Protein backbone atom coordinates (compact mmCIF):
# COMPACT_ATOMS: atom_id res chain seq x y z
CA MET A 1 0.05 0.02 0.06
CA SER A 2 1.40 3.33 -1.01
CA GLN A 3 1.09 6.64 0.99
CA PHE A 4 -0.44 9.75 -0.55
CA ASN A 5 2.18 12.53 -0.38
CA GLY A 6 0.54 15.97 -1.42
CA THR A 7 0.48 19.53 -0.66
CA LYS A 8 -2.39 20.95 1.40
CA CYS A 9 -3.54 24.62 1.88
CA ASP A 10 -2.45 25.89 5.20
CA GLU A 11 -5.78 28.09 5.29
CA CYS A 12 -8.47 25.86 3.78
CA HIS A 13 -6.99 22.56 3.71
CA ARG A 14 -7.61 21.85 -0.13
CA ILE A 15 -5.29 19.59 -1.63
CA GLN A 16 -3.22 20.62 -4.33
CA GLY A 17 -4.49 19.57 -7.82
CA GLU A 18 -3.29 20.33 -11.31
CA ALA A 19 -4.07 23.98 -11.22
CA ASN A 20 -0.97 25.82 -10.34
CA HIS A 21 -1.93 29.14 -8.64
CA TRP A 22 -0.39 28.38 -5.44
CA VAL A 23 1.57 30.40 -3.36
CA ARG A 24 4.42 29.78 -0.79
CA ILE A 25 5.11 32.15 1.86
CA GLN A 26 7.85 32.02 4.57
CA VAL A 27 7.02 33.00 8.15
CA TRP A 28 9.27 34.13 11.17
CA PHE A 29 8.27 34.29 14.45
CA GLN A 30 9.96 36.06 17.41
CA GLU A 31 8.53 35.32 21.14
CA GLY A 32 5.68 33.85 19.56
CA GLU A 33 4.55 36.62 17.43
CA CYS A 34 4.83 36.87 13.62
CA VAL A 35 7.67 39.24 12.86
CA ALA A 36 8.06 38.90 8.99
CA VAL A 37 6.48 37.19 5.91
CA VAL A 38 8.10 36.51 2.57
CA ILE A 39 5.98 35.68 -0.60
CA LEU A 40 7.96 33.47 -2.51
CA GLU A 41 7.40 32.79 -6.41
CA GLY A 42 5.81 29.58 -7.14
CA MET A 43 6.39 26.98 -4.74
CA HIS A 44 10.10 27.58 -4.38
CA GLN A 45 11.99 27.52 -0.97
CA SER A 46 14.32 30.61 0.22
CA THR A 47 17.91 29.63 1.57
CA VAL A 48 17.15 31.42 4.85
CA GLU A 49 15.44 29.58 7.62
CA GLY A 50 11.97 30.22 8.58
CA GLU A 51 8.64 28.30 8.60
CA TYR A 52 6.72 27.66 5.11
CA ARG A 53 3.14 27.95 4.33
CA ASP A 54 1.50 26.46 1.46
CA LEU A 55 -1.49 28.38 0.26
CA CYS A 56 -3.96 27.55 -2.89
CA GLY A 57 -4.27 31.00 -4.35
CA GLN A 58 -4.30 34.64 -3.45
CA GLY A 59 -7.50 34.73 -1.45
CA CYS A 60 -6.02 32.13 1.11
CA ALA A 61 -2.75 33.83 1.16
CA MET A 62 -4.13 37.27 1.97
CA LYS A 63 -6.48 35.47 4.70
CA HIS A 64 -3.44 33.59 6.15
CA ILE A 65 -1.26 36.57 5.97
CA ALA A 66 -3.70 38.73 7.81
CA LYS A 67 -4.18 36.24 10.53
CA LEU A 68 -0.32 35.83 10.95
CA LEU A 69 -0.11 39.91 11.27
CA LYS A 70 -3.32 40.17 13.62
CA TRP A 71 -4.87 42.65 10.95
CA THR A 72 -8.41 43.59 11.75
CA VAL A 73 -11.15 43.50 8.86
CA PRO A 74 -13.16 46.77 9.48
CA THR A 75 -16.91 46.06 9.72
CA GLY A 76 -19.62 47.83 7.88
CA SER A 77 -21.51 50.59 9.51
């Protein structure tokens, strides 16, 4: 029996298919707080240490980055 080895979106948990709109970000934490986020081209990795997050598209990337940086979304009046 073989084990499935795929990439799953760290925001919505979708499994990567054939479409290639995925984004990889690199995240650095200091004392439990996110201090930096770098958006990498395609699914490449950088040579600098940090945590990686795989995201299935721009929408999930923006949601995930907003959560990491603790951005607040304004509500309507």
